Amino acid sequence: MRGYEMGCRMSEKKKIPPVINPTIDLGEELAYLIGDTGSVSNLMSGYKIKVYHTRMFPWDDVFKSLLFRDFKVYVQNHKADLFIEAQP
């Protein structure tokens, strides 16, 4: 049966969640997850994330993505802003 895989069409096949797929670029994944609730910048070999909206920020998804890839995660505040720094 062409175009079918295990009883479903290929276009309907579930995508692998990003946290399970280590080949996805982490910077792009973080930018997608965070959206307008923060910003991501490269910091040496890690990332620095500024949190704009603490209530809407996807804390669990961001921490899962970073910790799954064995990053050390630090949460810091500077004046009224929160920052997440992640280093490999």
C-alpha atoms as a PDB file:
ATOM      1  CA  MET A   1       0.000   0.000   0.000  1.00  0.00           C
ATOM      2  CA  ARG A   2       1.705   3.090  -1.205  1.00  0.00           C
ATOM      3  CA  GLY A   3       1.405   6.292   0.882  1.00  0.00           C
ATOM      4  CA  TYR A   4       0.275   4.425   3.981  1.00  0.00           C
ATOM      5  CA  GLU A   5       2.228   3.526   7.051  1.00  0.00           C
ATOM      6  CA  MET A   6       0.742   1.496   9.887  1.00  0.00           C
ATOM      7  CA  GLY A   7      -2.835   2.321   8.996  1.00  0.00           C
ATOM      8  CA  CYS A   8      -2.503   6.101   8.561  1.00  0.00           C
ATOM      9  CA  ARG A   9      -1.559   8.307   5.673  1.00  0.00           C
ATOM     10  CA  MET A  10       1.943   9.746   5.696  1.00  0.00           C
ATOM     11  CA  SER A  11       0.639  13.308   5.732  1.00  0.00           C
ATOM     12  CA  GLU A  12      -1.232  12.453   8.944  1.00  0.00           C
ATOM     13  CA  LYS A  13       1.768  10.802  10.590  1.00  0.00           C
ATOM     14  CA  LYS A  14       2.543  12.351  13.964  1.00  0.00           C
ATOM     15  CA  LYS A  15       5.640  14.492  14.154  1.00  0.00           C
ATOM     16  CA  ILE A  16       8.286  13.647  16.727  1.00  0.00           C
ATOM     17  CA  PRO A  17       8.138  16.169  19.593  1.00  0.00           C
ATOM     18  CA  PRO A  18      11.199  18.461  19.572  1.00  0.00           C
ATOM     19  CA  VAL A  19      12.374  17.379  23.018  1.00  0.00           C
ATOM     20  CA  ILE A  20      12.765  13.787  21.764  1.00  0.00           C
ATOM     21  CA  ASN A  21      14.568  14.713  18.526  1.00  0.00           C
ATOM     22  CA  PRO A  22      18.136  15.862  19.328  1.00  0.00           C
ATOM     23  CA  THR A  23      18.868  16.808  15.701  1.00  0.00           C
ATOM     24  CA  ILE A  24      16.694  19.946  15.796  1.00  0.00           C
ATOM     25  CA  ASP A  25      18.622  23.218  16.144  1.00  0.00           C
ATOM     26  CA  LEU A  26      18.145  24.244  19.759  1.00  0.00           C
ATOM     27  CA  GLY A  27      18.249  28.005  19.103  1.00  0.00           C
ATOM     28  CA  GLU A  28      15.431  27.763  16.585  1.00  0.00           C
ATOM     29  CA  GLU A  29      13.446  25.470  18.858  1.00  0.00           C
ATOM     30  CA  LEU A  30      13.784  27.878  21.795  1.00  0.00           C
ATOM     31  CA  ALA A  31      12.784  30.858  19.653  1.00  0.00           C
ATOM     32  CA  TYR A  32       9.704  28.935  18.472  1.00  0.00           C
ATOM     33  CA  LEU A  33       8.749  27.846  21.996  1.00  0.00           C
ATOM     34  CA  ILE A  34       9.246  31.282  23.530  1.00  0.00           C
ATOM     35  CA  GLY A  35       7.568  33.324  20.799  1.00  0.00           C
ATOM     36  CA  ASP A  36       6.681  36.830  22.021  1.00  0.00           C
ATOM     37  CA  THR A  37       7.117  35.998  25.715  1.00  0.00           C
ATOM     38  CA  GLY A  38      10.904  36.412  25.583  1.00  0.00           C
ATOM     39  CA  SER A  39      14.013  36.609  23.427  1.00  0.00           C
ATOM     40  CA  VAL A  40      16.901  34.231  22.781  1.00  0.00           C
ATOM     41  CA  SER A  41      20.496  35.248  22.140  1.00  0.00           C
ATOM     42  CA  ASN A  42      23.610  33.148  21.676  1.00  0.00           C
ATOM     43  CA  LEU A  43      26.045  33.448  24.549  1.00  0.00           C
ATOM     44  CA  MET A  44      29.442  31.896  23.770  1.00  0.00           C
ATOM     45  CA  SER A  45      28.462  28.233  23.357  1.00  0.00           C
ATOM     46  CA  GLY A  46      25.166  28.564  25.230  1.00  0.00           C
ATOM     47  CA  TYR A  47      22.057  30.719  25.290  1.00  0.00           C
ATOM     48  CA  LYS A  48      20.769  33.700  27.207  1.00  0.00           C
ATOM     49  CA  ILE A  49      17.004  34.046  27.340  1.00  0.00           C
ATOM     50  CA  LYS A  50      15.276  37.208  28.496  1.00  0.00           C
ATOM     51  CA  VAL A  51      11.784  36.655  29.874  1.00  0.00           C
ATOM     52  CA  TYR A  52       9.305  39.390  28.902  1.00  0.00           C
ATOM     53  CA  HIS A  53       6.098  37.898  30.249  1.00  0.00           C
ATOM     54  CA  THR A  54       6.567  35.579  33.241  1.00  0.00           C
ATOM     55  CA  ARG A  55       2.994  34.272  33.405  1.00  0.00           C
ATOM     56  CA  MET A  56       2.778  33.336  29.712  1.00  0.00           C
ATOM     57  CA  PHE A  57       6.379  32.082  29.388  1.00  0.00           C
ATOM     58  CA  PRO A  58       6.602  28.317  28.612  1.00  0.00           C
ATOM     59  CA  TRP A  59       8.888  27.511  31.546  1.00  0.00           C
ATOM     60  CA  ASP A  60       8.428  23.753  31.464  1.00  0.00           C
ATOM     61  CA  ASP A  61       9.024  23.378  27.719  1.00  0.00           C
ATOM     62  CA  VAL A  62      12.123  25.583  27.793  1.00  0.00           C
ATOM     63  CA  PHE A  63      13.643  23.782  30.781  1.00  0.00           C
ATOM     64  CA  LYS A  64      12.849  20.354  29.291  1.00  0.00           C
ATOM     65  CA  SER A  65      14.510  21.298  25.999  1.00  0.00           C
ATOM     66  CA  LEU A  66      17.644  22.602  27.720  1.00  0.00           C
ATOM     67  CA  LEU A  67      18.002  19.896  30.344  1.00  0.00           C
ATOM     68  CA  PHE A  68      17.352  17.103  27.826  1.00  0.00           C
ATOM     69  CA  ARG A  69      20.492  18.247  26.011  1.00  0.00           C
ATOM     70  CA  ASP A  70      22.526  18.338  29.255  1.00  0.00           C
ATOM     71  CA  PHE A  71      22.740  22.124  29.563  1.00  0.00           C
ATOM     72  CA  LYS A  72      23.392  23.689  32.952  1.00  0.00           C
ATOM     73  CA  VAL A  73      20.546  26.124  33.539  1.00  0.00           C
ATOM     74  CA  TYR A  74      20.784  29.271  35.693  1.00  0.00           C
ATOM     75  CA  VAL A  75      17.943  31.679  36.422  1.00  0.00           C
ATOM     76  CA  GLN A  76      19.014  35.212  37.328  1.00  0.00           C
ATOM     77  CA  ASN A  77      17.327  38.510  37.868  1.00  0.00           C
ATOM     78  CA  HIS A  78      18.719  41.874  36.880  1.00  0.00           C
ATOM     79  CA  LYS A  79      16.643  44.746  38.237  1.00  0.00           C
ATOM     80  CA  ALA A  80      13.076  43.801  37.200  1.00  0.00           C
ATOM     81  CA  ASP A  81      14.083  41.378  34.411  1.00  0.00           C
ATOM     82  CA  LEU A  82      14.498  37.606  34.585  1.00  0.00           C
ATOM     83  CA  PHE A  83      17.157  35.835  32.539  1.00  0.00           C
ATOM     84  CA  ILE A  84      17.795  32.173  31.869  1.00  0.00           C
ATOM     85  CA  GLU A  85      21.394  31.313  31.065  1.00  0.00           C
ATOM     86  CA  ALA A  86      22.177  27.874  29.672  1.00  0.00           C
ATOM     87  CA  GLN A  87      25.692  26.496  29.249  1.00  0.00           C
ATOM     88  CA  PRO A  88      26.662  23.051  27.886  1.00  0.00           C
END
